[in-house]
Amino acid sequence: MTKLSSQQTGKVSSWVAEGATLSQIQARLASEFDVHLTYMDVRLLVDDLNLSLVEKAEPKKADEPQAETAEAAAPADTTQAEPAPQSQSGVSISIDTVMAPGAMVSGSVKFSDGSVGTWYLDQMGQLGFNPPSPGYRPSQTDVADFQVKLDTALRQAGY
């Protein structure tokens, strides 16, 4: 690893104090001092200098109420979480608190016509759907709304 001067280590310390990330420190070392280090070398440098990176909390979205965030983080006593609020198309989804066998995450979906099916994401991240009856196909509008709501619900649940 390249030996940094006391001036350079002082700059690294000030960058860390300002809240810079490892990749930002890596870029600044390259641009300001022409010192090219790998990400891991920068991590070790910060550790060697006994510096602690400033953890930045993710900003909460203004449209997410506090109660919903707490509900998503705490598992419910039932096998299914509360369904997401219905939109104009009438599609609602829920995430199981006890996942289906072989699934990373699973849940159910209620389409605008009242049909209820189950969905799951397998270990490879592929989406699977079990229709309420053989040959059932939801409308294209419901499918699009389902995909958007599933993405939102999974992000809120930390997936």
N, C-alpha and C. Protein backbone atom coordinates (compact mmCIF):
# COMPACT_ATOMS: atom_id res chain seq x y z
N MET A 1 0.84 -1.17 0.00
CA MET A 1 0.00 0.00 0.00
C MET A 1 0.89 1.24 0.00
N THR A 2 0.45 2.27 -0.66
CA THR A 2 1.17 3.52 -0.77
C THR A 2 1.18 4.23 0.57
N LYS A 3 2.35 4.77 0.94
CA LYS A 3 2.48 5.53 2.18
C LYS A 3 2.05 6.97 1.92
N LEU A 4 1.14 7.46 2.74
CA LEU A 4 0.65 8.83 2.60
C LEU A 4 1.39 9.76 3.54
N SER A 5 1.56 11.00 3.11
CA SER A 5 2.20 11.99 3.97
C SER A 5 1.24 12.41 5.09
N SER A 6 1.77 13.12 6.07
CA SER A 6 0.92 13.57 7.17
C SER A 6 -0.14 14.56 6.67
N GLN A 7 0.21 15.36 5.66
CA GLN A 7 -0.77 16.29 5.07
C GLN A 7 -1.90 15.50 4.42
N GLN A 8 -1.55 14.43 3.69
CA GLN A 8 -2.55 13.63 3.00
C GLN A 8 -3.45 12.89 4.00
N THR A 9 -2.86 12.34 5.07
CA THR A 9 -3.68 11.65 6.07
C THR A 9 -4.57 12.64 6.80
N GLY A 10 -4.10 13.87 7.00
CA GLY A 10 -4.92 14.91 7.60
C GLY A 10 -6.13 15.24 6.73
N LYS A 11 -5.91 15.27 5.42
CA LYS A 11 -7.02 15.53 4.49
C LYS A 11 -8.03 14.38 4.53
N VAL A 12 -7.53 13.15 4.57
CA VAL A 12 -8.42 11.99 4.64
C VAL A 12 -9.26 12.08 5.91
N SER A 13 -8.63 12.45 7.03
CA SER A 13 -9.36 12.60 8.29
C SER A 13 -10.45 13.66 8.18
N SER A 14 -10.14 14.77 7.53
CA SER A 14 -11.16 15.82 7.39
C SER A 14 -12.29 15.37 6.47
N TRP A 15 -11.97 14.61 5.43
CA TRP A 15 -13.02 14.10 4.53
C TRP A 15 -13.96 13.16 5.27
N VAL A 16 -13.38 12.31 6.11
CA VAL A 16 -14.21 11.38 6.90
C VAL A 16 -15.10 12.18 7.85
N ALA A 17 -14.53 13.20 8.49
CA ALA A 17 -15.31 14.03 9.42
C ALA A 17 -16.45 14.75 8.69
N GLU A 18 -16.24 15.07 7.41
CA GLU A 18 -17.28 15.74 6.61
C GLU A 18 -18.38 14.77 6.17
N GLY A 19 -18.13 13.47 6.36
CA GLY A 19 -19.14 12.48 6.00
C GLY A 19 -18.91 11.82 4.64
N ALA A 20 -17.70 11.91 4.12
CA ALA A 20 -17.40 11.30 2.82
C ALA A 20 -17.45 9.77 2.93
N THR A 21 -17.88 9.14 1.84
CA THR A 21 -17.91 7.67 1.78
C THR A 21 -16.54 7.19 1.33
N LEU A 22 -16.33 5.88 1.42
CA LEU A 22 -15.05 5.31 0.99
C LEU A 22 -14.79 5.57 -0.48
N SER A 23 -15.80 5.45 -1.30
CA SER A 23 -15.60 5.69 -2.73
C SER A 23 -15.30 7.17 -3.01
N GLN A 24 -15.89 8.07 -2.24
CA GLN A 24 -15.58 9.49 -2.40
C GLN A 24 -14.13 9.77 -1.98
N ILE A 25 -13.70 9.14 -0.90
CA ILE A 25 -12.32 9.31 -0.44
C ILE A 25 -11.37 8.76 -1.50
N GLN A 26 -11.69 7.61 -2.06
CA GLN A 26 -10.87 6.98 -3.10
C GLN A 26 -10.74 7.93 -4.30
N ALA A 27 -11.84 8.54 -4.71
CA ALA A 27 -11.82 9.45 -5.86
C ALA A 27 -11.03 10.72 -5.54
N ARG A 28 -11.18 11.24 -4.33
CA ARG A 28 -10.45 12.46 -3.96
C ARG A 28 -8.95 12.21 -3.88
N LEU A 29 -8.56 11.05 -3.35
CA LEU A 29 -7.13 10.73 -3.30
C LEU A 29 -6.55 10.69 -4.71
N ALA A 30 -7.30 10.13 -5.65
CA ALA A 30 -6.83 10.04 -7.03
C ALA A 30 -6.77 11.42 -7.68
N SER A 31 -7.81 12.23 -7.48
CA SER A 31 -7.86 13.52 -8.17
C SER A 31 -6.95 14.58 -7.53
N GLU A 32 -6.87 14.60 -6.20
CA GLU A 32 -6.11 15.66 -5.54
C GLU A 32 -4.64 15.32 -5.32
N PHE A 33 -4.34 14.03 -5.12
CA PHE A 33 -2.97 13.65 -4.79
C PHE A 33 -2.37 12.66 -5.80
N ASP A 34 -3.12 12.28 -6.81
CA ASP A 34 -2.69 11.29 -7.79
C ASP A 34 -2.25 9.99 -7.10
N VAL A 35 -2.99 9.64 -6.04
CA VAL A 35 -2.76 8.39 -5.31
C VAL A 35 -3.93 7.47 -5.64
N HIS A 36 -3.63 6.36 -6.30
CA HIS A 36 -4.67 5.44 -6.75
C HIS A 36 -4.67 4.20 -5.86
N LEU A 37 -5.71 4.09 -5.05
CA LEU A 37 -5.86 2.97 -4.13
C LEU A 37 -7.12 2.20 -4.47
N THR A 38 -7.11 0.92 -4.15
CA THR A 38 -8.32 0.13 -4.32
C THR A 38 -9.30 0.51 -3.21
N TYR A 39 -10.54 0.14 -3.39
CA TYR A 39 -11.56 0.40 -2.38
C TYR A 39 -11.15 -0.22 -1.05
N MET A 40 -10.65 -1.47 -1.10
CA MET A 40 -10.23 -2.16 0.12
C MET A 40 -9.05 -1.45 0.78
N ASP A 41 -8.12 -0.93 -0.03
CA ASP A 41 -6.99 -0.18 0.55
C ASP A 41 -7.47 1.08 1.26
N VAL A 42 -8.48 1.73 0.69
CA VAL A 42 -9.04 2.92 1.34
C VAL A 42 -9.70 2.53 2.65
N ARG A 43 -10.41 1.41 2.64
CA ARG A 43 -11.06 0.91 3.87
C ARG A 43 -10.01 0.63 4.94
N LEU A 44 -8.92 -0.02 4.55
CA LEU A 44 -7.84 -0.31 5.50
C LEU A 44 -7.16 0.97 5.98
N LEU A 45 -7.00 1.94 5.09
CA LEU A 45 -6.40 3.22 5.46
C LEU A 45 -7.25 3.90 6.54
N VAL A 46 -8.55 3.95 6.32
CA VAL A 46 -9.45 4.56 7.30
C VAL A 46 -9.36 3.83 8.64
N ASP A 47 -9.30 2.50 8.59
CA ASP A 47 -9.14 1.72 9.82
C ASP A 47 -7.81 1.99 10.50
N ASP A 48 -6.73 2.05 9.72
CA ASP A 48 -5.40 2.31 10.28
C ASP A 48 -5.32 3.68 10.95
N LEU A 49 -6.08 4.64 10.43
CA LEU A 49 -6.10 5.98 11.02
C LEU A 49 -7.08 6.09 12.18
N ASN A 50 -7.71 4.96 12.54
CA ASN A 50 -8.70 4.90 13.62
C ASN A 50 -9.83 5.91 13.41
N LEU A 51 -10.31 5.97 12.18
CA LEU A 51 -11.41 6.87 11.85
C LEU A 51 -12.69 6.06 11.72
N SER A 52 -13.79 6.69 12.05
CA SER A 52 -15.11 6.05 11.91
C SER A 52 -15.90 6.81 10.87
N LEU A 53 -16.38 6.08 9.87
CA LEU A 53 -17.20 6.70 8.84
C LEU A 53 -18.52 7.15 9.43
N VAL A 54 -19.03 8.25 8.95
CA VAL A 54 -20.30 8.79 9.41
C VAL A 54 -21.41 8.04 8.67
N GLU A 55 -22.28 7.39 9.43
CA GLU A 55 -23.41 6.67 8.84
C GLU A 55 -24.51 7.67 8.54
N LYS A 56 -24.93 7.71 7.29
CA LYS A 56 -26.01 8.61 6.91
C LYS A 56 -27.30 7.81 6.89
N ALA A 57 -28.30 8.28 7.63
CA ALA A 57 -29.60 7.62 7.65
C ALA A 57 -30.31 7.95 6.34
N GLU A 58 -31.01 6.93 5.80
CA GLU A 58 -31.77 7.16 4.58
C GLU A 58 -32.92 8.11 4.88
N PRO A 59 -33.08 9.11 4.04
CA PRO A 59 -34.19 10.04 4.29
C PRO A 59 -35.52 9.33 4.08
N LYS A 60 -36.46 9.59 4.99
CA LYS A 60 -37.78 8.98 4.87
C LYS A 60 -38.59 9.76 3.86
N LYS A 61 -39.37 9.04 3.10
CA LYS A 61 -40.23 9.68 2.12
C LYS A 61 -41.37 10.38 2.85
N ALA A 62 -41.72 11.54 2.37
CA ALA A 62 -42.75 12.35 3.03
C ALA A 62 -44.13 11.69 2.95
N ASP A 63 -44.35 10.86 1.92
CA ASP A 63 -45.66 10.26 1.77
C ASP A 63 -45.83 8.96 2.56
N GLU A 64 -44.80 8.54 3.31
CA GLU A 64 -44.89 7.32 4.11
C GLU A 64 -45.16 7.68 5.57
N PRO A 65 -46.33 7.36 6.09
CA PRO A 65 -46.60 7.62 7.50
C PRO A 65 -45.73 6.75 8.40
N GLN A 66 -45.44 7.24 9.59
CA GLN A 66 -44.61 6.51 10.55
C GLN A 66 -45.22 5.18 10.92
N ALA A 67 -46.53 5.09 11.06
CA ALA A 67 -47.19 3.85 11.49
C ALA A 67 -46.96 2.73 10.49
N GLU A 68 -47.04 3.02 9.19
CA GLU A 68 -46.82 1.99 8.19
C GLU A 68 -45.40 1.47 8.22
N THR A 69 -44.41 2.34 8.44
CA THR A 69 -43.03 1.92 8.52
C THR A 69 -42.82 0.98 9.70
N ALA A 70 -43.41 1.28 10.84
CA ALA A 70 -43.28 0.43 12.01
C ALA A 70 -43.96 -0.91 11.79
N GLU A 71 -45.11 -0.91 11.12
CA GLU A 71 -45.81 -2.17 10.85
C GLU A 71 -45.02 -3.05 9.91
N ALA A 72 -44.35 -2.47 8.93
CA ALA A 72 -43.57 -3.26 7.98
C ALA A 72 -42.37 -3.89 8.65
N ALA A 73 -41.79 -3.22 9.65
CA ALA A 73 -40.60 -3.74 10.31
C ALA A 73 -40.94 -4.82 11.34
N ALA A 74 -42.08 -4.74 11.97
CA ALA A 74 -42.46 -5.71 13.00
C ALA A 74 -43.36 -6.79 12.41
N PRO A 75 -42.99 -8.07 12.58
CA PRO A 75 -43.83 -9.13 12.03
C PRO A 75 -45.16 -9.21 12.79
N ALA A 76 -46.21 -9.53 12.06
CA ALA A 76 -47.53 -9.68 12.65
C ALA A 76 -47.69 -11.10 13.18
N ASP A 77 -48.72 -11.32 14.00
CA ASP A 77 -48.96 -12.63 14.58
C ASP A 77 -49.64 -13.57 13.59
N THR A 78 -50.25 -13.03 12.54
CA THR A 78 -50.93 -13.86 11.56
C THR A 78 -49.95 -14.33 10.50
N THR A 79 -50.42 -15.22 9.62
CA THR A 79 -49.53 -15.72 8.58
C THR A 79 -49.39 -14.74 7.43
N GLN A 80 -50.26 -13.73 7.35
CA GLN A 80 -50.13 -12.73 6.31
C GLN A 80 -50.16 -11.34 6.91
N ALA A 81 -49.36 -10.46 6.32
CA ALA A 81 -49.34 -9.08 6.76
C ALA A 81 -50.58 -8.38 6.20
N GLU A 82 -50.83 -7.19 6.69
CA GLU A 82 -51.98 -6.43 6.21
C GLU A 82 -51.81 -6.14 4.73
N PRO A 83 -52.88 -6.20 3.95
CA PRO A 83 -52.77 -5.88 2.53
C PRO A 83 -52.48 -4.40 2.33
N ALA A 84 -51.81 -4.13 1.23
CA ALA A 84 -51.52 -2.74 0.89
C ALA A 84 -52.84 -2.06 0.51
N PRO A 85 -52.92 -0.75 0.70
CA PRO A 85 -54.15 -0.05 0.35
C PRO A 85 -54.48 -0.25 -1.13
N GLN A 86 -55.76 -0.34 -1.44
CA GLN A 86 -56.17 -0.56 -2.81
C GLN A 86 -56.07 0.74 -3.59
N SER A 87 -55.72 0.59 -4.86
CA SER A 87 -55.66 1.76 -5.72
C SER A 87 -56.95 1.83 -6.53
N GLN A 88 -56.98 2.72 -7.49
CA GLN A 88 -58.16 2.86 -8.32
C GLN A 88 -58.45 1.58 -9.09
N SER A 89 -57.40 0.81 -9.42
CA SER A 89 -57.62 -0.43 -10.18
C SER A 89 -58.12 -1.55 -9.27
N GLY A 90 -58.01 -1.40 -7.96
CA GLY A 90 -58.53 -2.41 -7.04
C GLY A 90 -57.57 -3.53 -6.74
N VAL A 91 -56.29 -3.42 -7.10
CA VAL A 91 -55.31 -4.46 -6.82
C VAL A 91 -54.71 -4.20 -5.45
N SER A 92 -54.65 -5.24 -4.63
CA SER A 92 -53.97 -5.12 -3.34
C SER A 92 -53.09 -6.34 -3.14
N ILE A 93 -51.98 -6.15 -2.43
CA ILE A 93 -51.07 -7.26 -2.16
C ILE A 93 -50.77 -7.34 -0.68
N SER A 94 -50.30 -8.50 -0.27
CA SER A 94 -49.82 -8.67 1.09
C SER A 94 -48.57 -9.54 1.04
N ILE A 95 -47.73 -9.39 2.06
CA ILE A 95 -46.51 -10.19 2.18
C ILE A 95 -46.70 -11.13 3.35
N ASP A 96 -46.43 -12.42 3.13
CA ASP A 96 -46.54 -13.40 4.20
C ASP A 96 -45.49 -13.15 5.27
N THR A 97 -45.85 -13.34 6.54
CA THR A 97 -44.86 -13.28 7.60
C THR A 97 -44.14 -14.62 7.75
N VAL A 98 -44.80 -15.69 7.34
CA VAL A 98 -44.17 -17.01 7.26
C VAL A 98 -44.13 -17.36 5.78
N MET A 99 -42.91 -17.45 5.23
CA MET A 99 -42.76 -17.61 3.80
C MET A 99 -43.11 -19.03 3.34
N ALA A 100 -43.59 -19.12 2.11
CA ALA A 100 -43.91 -20.40 1.50
C ALA A 100 -42.62 -21.21 1.35
N PRO A 101 -42.69 -22.54 1.44
CA PRO A 101 -41.49 -23.37 1.29
C PRO A 101 -40.78 -23.09 -0.04
N GLY A 102 -39.48 -22.91 0.03
CA GLY A 102 -38.67 -22.66 -1.16
C GLY A 102 -38.68 -21.23 -1.65
N ALA A 103 -39.40 -20.35 -0.97
CA ALA A 103 -39.49 -18.96 -1.41
C ALA A 103 -38.67 -18.06 -0.49
N MET A 104 -38.03 -17.06 -1.09
CA MET A 104 -37.36 -16.04 -0.30
C MET A 104 -38.40 -15.14 0.35
N VAL A 105 -39.43 -14.82 -0.42
CA VAL A 105 -40.53 -14.00 0.07
C VAL A 105 -41.78 -14.41 -0.71
N SER A 106 -42.92 -14.35 -0.05
CA SER A 106 -44.17 -14.76 -0.69
C SER A 106 -45.32 -13.94 -0.15
N GLY A 107 -46.47 -14.05 -0.80
CA GLY A 107 -47.64 -13.32 -0.35
C GLY A 107 -48.82 -13.60 -1.24
N SER A 108 -49.81 -12.74 -1.15
CA SER A 108 -51.01 -12.92 -1.97
C SER A 108 -51.35 -11.60 -2.65
N VAL A 109 -52.16 -11.72 -3.68
CA VAL A 109 -52.61 -10.56 -4.45
C VAL A 109 -54.09 -10.72 -4.72
N LYS A 110 -54.82 -9.62 -4.55
CA LYS A 110 -56.24 -9.60 -4.87
C LYS A 110 -56.41 -8.63 -6.04
N PHE A 111 -56.93 -9.15 -7.14
CA PHE A 111 -57.11 -8.34 -8.34
C PHE A 111 -58.44 -7.61 -8.31
N SER A 112 -58.62 -6.69 -9.25
CA SER A 112 -59.82 -5.85 -9.26
C SER A 112 -61.10 -6.64 -9.48
N ASP A 113 -61.00 -7.84 -10.07
CA ASP A 113 -62.20 -8.65 -10.27
C ASP A 113 -62.53 -9.52 -9.05
N GLY A 114 -61.74 -9.36 -7.97
CA GLY A 114 -61.98 -10.10 -6.73
C GLY A 114 -61.23 -11.41 -6.63
N SER A 115 -60.55 -11.85 -7.69
CA SER A 115 -59.79 -13.09 -7.67
C SER A 115 -58.52 -12.91 -6.83
N VAL A 116 -58.21 -13.94 -6.03
CA VAL A 116 -57.04 -13.88 -5.16
C VAL A 116 -56.08 -14.99 -5.55
N GLY A 117 -54.84 -14.63 -5.82
CA GLY A 117 -53.79 -15.59 -6.14
C GLY A 117 -52.62 -15.40 -5.19
N THR A 118 -51.65 -16.28 -5.29
CA THR A 118 -50.45 -16.15 -4.46
C THR A 118 -49.25 -15.91 -5.37
N TRP A 119 -48.27 -15.23 -4.84
CA TRP A 119 -47.04 -14.94 -5.56
C TRP A 119 -45.86 -15.30 -4.67
N TYR A 120 -44.68 -15.45 -5.28
CA TYR A 120 -43.47 -15.72 -4.52
C TYR A 120 -42.25 -15.32 -5.34
N LEU A 121 -41.16 -15.02 -4.64
CA LEU A 121 -39.85 -14.82 -5.27
C LEU A 121 -38.98 -15.97 -4.81
N ASP A 122 -38.41 -16.70 -5.76
CA ASP A 122 -37.57 -17.84 -5.38
C ASP A 122 -36.15 -17.38 -5.07
N GLN A 123 -35.28 -18.32 -4.77
CA GLN A 123 -33.90 -18.01 -4.37
C GLN A 123 -33.11 -17.32 -5.48
N MET A 124 -33.56 -17.47 -6.72
CA MET A 124 -32.89 -16.83 -7.86
C MET A 124 -33.48 -15.46 -8.17
N GLY A 125 -34.48 -15.04 -7.39
CA GLY A 125 -35.10 -13.74 -7.60
C GLY A 125 -36.16 -13.74 -8.68
N GLN A 126 -36.59 -14.93 -9.10
CA GLN A 126 -37.62 -15.02 -10.14
C GLN A 126 -39.00 -14.99 -9.49
N LEU A 127 -39.89 -14.23 -10.12
CA LEU A 127 -41.25 -14.10 -9.63
C LEU A 127 -42.10 -15.26 -10.12
N GLY A 128 -42.84 -15.87 -9.21
CA GLY A 128 -43.78 -16.93 -9.56
C GLY A 128 -45.18 -16.53 -9.13
N PHE A 129 -46.18 -17.04 -9.84
CA PHE A 129 -47.57 -16.70 -9.54
C PHE A 129 -48.41 -17.96 -9.60
N ASN A 130 -49.21 -18.18 -8.56
CA ASN A 130 -50.16 -19.28 -8.53
C ASN A 130 -51.55 -18.68 -8.68
N PRO A 131 -52.18 -18.89 -9.86
CA PRO A 131 -53.49 -18.28 -10.10
C PRO A 131 -54.58 -18.90 -9.23
N PRO A 132 -55.69 -18.18 -9.04
CA PRO A 132 -56.78 -18.71 -8.22
C PRO A 132 -57.46 -19.91 -8.87
N SER A 133 -57.40 -19.99 -10.20
CA SER A 133 -57.98 -21.13 -10.92
C SER A 133 -57.16 -21.37 -12.19
N PRO A 134 -57.11 -22.60 -12.67
CA PRO A 134 -56.33 -22.87 -13.88
C PRO A 134 -56.79 -22.01 -15.05
N GLY A 135 -55.83 -21.42 -15.77
CA GLY A 135 -56.14 -20.60 -16.92
C GLY A 135 -56.51 -19.16 -16.62
N TYR A 136 -56.54 -18.78 -15.33
CA TYR A 136 -56.89 -17.40 -14.97
C TYR A 136 -55.81 -16.45 -15.44
N ARG A 137 -56.22 -15.33 -16.03
CA ARG A 137 -55.29 -14.28 -16.46
C ARG A 137 -55.86 -12.93 -16.03
N PRO A 138 -55.12 -12.20 -15.18
CA PRO A 138 -55.59 -10.87 -14.80
C PRO A 138 -55.43 -9.90 -15.98
N SER A 139 -56.13 -8.78 -15.91
CA SER A 139 -56.03 -7.77 -16.97
C SER A 139 -54.62 -7.17 -16.98
N GLN A 140 -54.24 -6.59 -18.11
CA GLN A 140 -52.92 -5.97 -18.23
C GLN A 140 -52.76 -4.81 -17.24
N THR A 141 -53.85 -4.08 -17.00
CA THR A 141 -53.82 -2.99 -16.03
C THR A 141 -53.55 -3.53 -14.63
N ASP A 142 -54.21 -4.64 -14.27
CA ASP A 142 -54.00 -5.24 -12.96
C ASP A 142 -52.57 -5.77 -12.82
N VAL A 143 -52.04 -6.37 -13.89
CA VAL A 143 -50.66 -6.90 -13.85
C VAL A 143 -49.67 -5.76 -13.62
N ALA A 144 -49.84 -4.66 -14.35
CA ALA A 144 -48.95 -3.52 -14.19
C ALA A 144 -49.05 -2.94 -12.77
N ASP A 145 -50.28 -2.81 -12.26
CA ASP A 145 -50.47 -2.28 -10.92
C ASP A 145 -49.88 -3.24 -9.87
N PHE A 146 -50.04 -4.54 -10.09
CA PHE A 146 -49.46 -5.54 -9.19
C PHE A 146 -47.94 -5.39 -9.13
N GLN A 147 -47.29 -5.24 -10.27
CA GLN A 147 -45.84 -5.12 -10.30
C GLN A 147 -45.36 -3.89 -9.54
N VAL A 148 -46.06 -2.78 -9.73
CA VAL A 148 -45.67 -1.54 -9.04
C VAL A 148 -45.87 -1.70 -7.53
N LYS A 149 -47.02 -2.23 -7.13
CA LYS A 149 -47.31 -2.39 -5.70
C LYS A 149 -46.38 -3.41 -5.05
N LEU A 150 -46.04 -4.47 -5.77
CA LEU A 150 -45.12 -5.47 -5.23
C LEU A 150 -43.75 -4.85 -5.01
N ASP A 151 -43.26 -4.10 -5.98
CA ASP A 151 -41.97 -3.44 -5.84
C ASP A 151 -41.96 -2.51 -4.63
N THR A 152 -43.00 -1.70 -4.49
CA THR A 152 -43.11 -0.78 -3.36
C THR A 152 -43.14 -1.51 -2.03
N ALA A 153 -43.97 -2.56 -1.95
CA ALA A 153 -44.11 -3.30 -0.70
C ALA A 153 -42.81 -4.00 -0.31
N LEU A 154 -42.11 -4.56 -1.29
CA LEU A 154 -40.86 -5.25 -0.99
C LEU A 154 -39.78 -4.27 -0.54
N ARG A 155 -39.74 -3.11 -1.15
CA ARG A 155 -38.76 -2.08 -0.71
C ARG A 155 -39.07 -1.63 0.72
N GLN A 156 -40.35 -1.42 1.02
CA GLN A 156 -40.72 -0.99 2.37
C GLN A 156 -40.40 -2.06 3.39
N ALA A 157 -40.50 -3.34 2.99
CA ALA A 157 -40.21 -4.43 3.91
C ALA A 157 -38.72 -4.74 3.99
N GLY A 158 -37.91 -4.05 3.18
CA GLY A 158 -36.46 -4.22 3.27
C GLY A 158 -35.88 -5.29 2.35
N TYR A 159 -36.61 -5.69 1.34
CA TYR A 159 -36.09 -6.68 0.38
C TYR A 159 -35.45 -6.00 -0.80
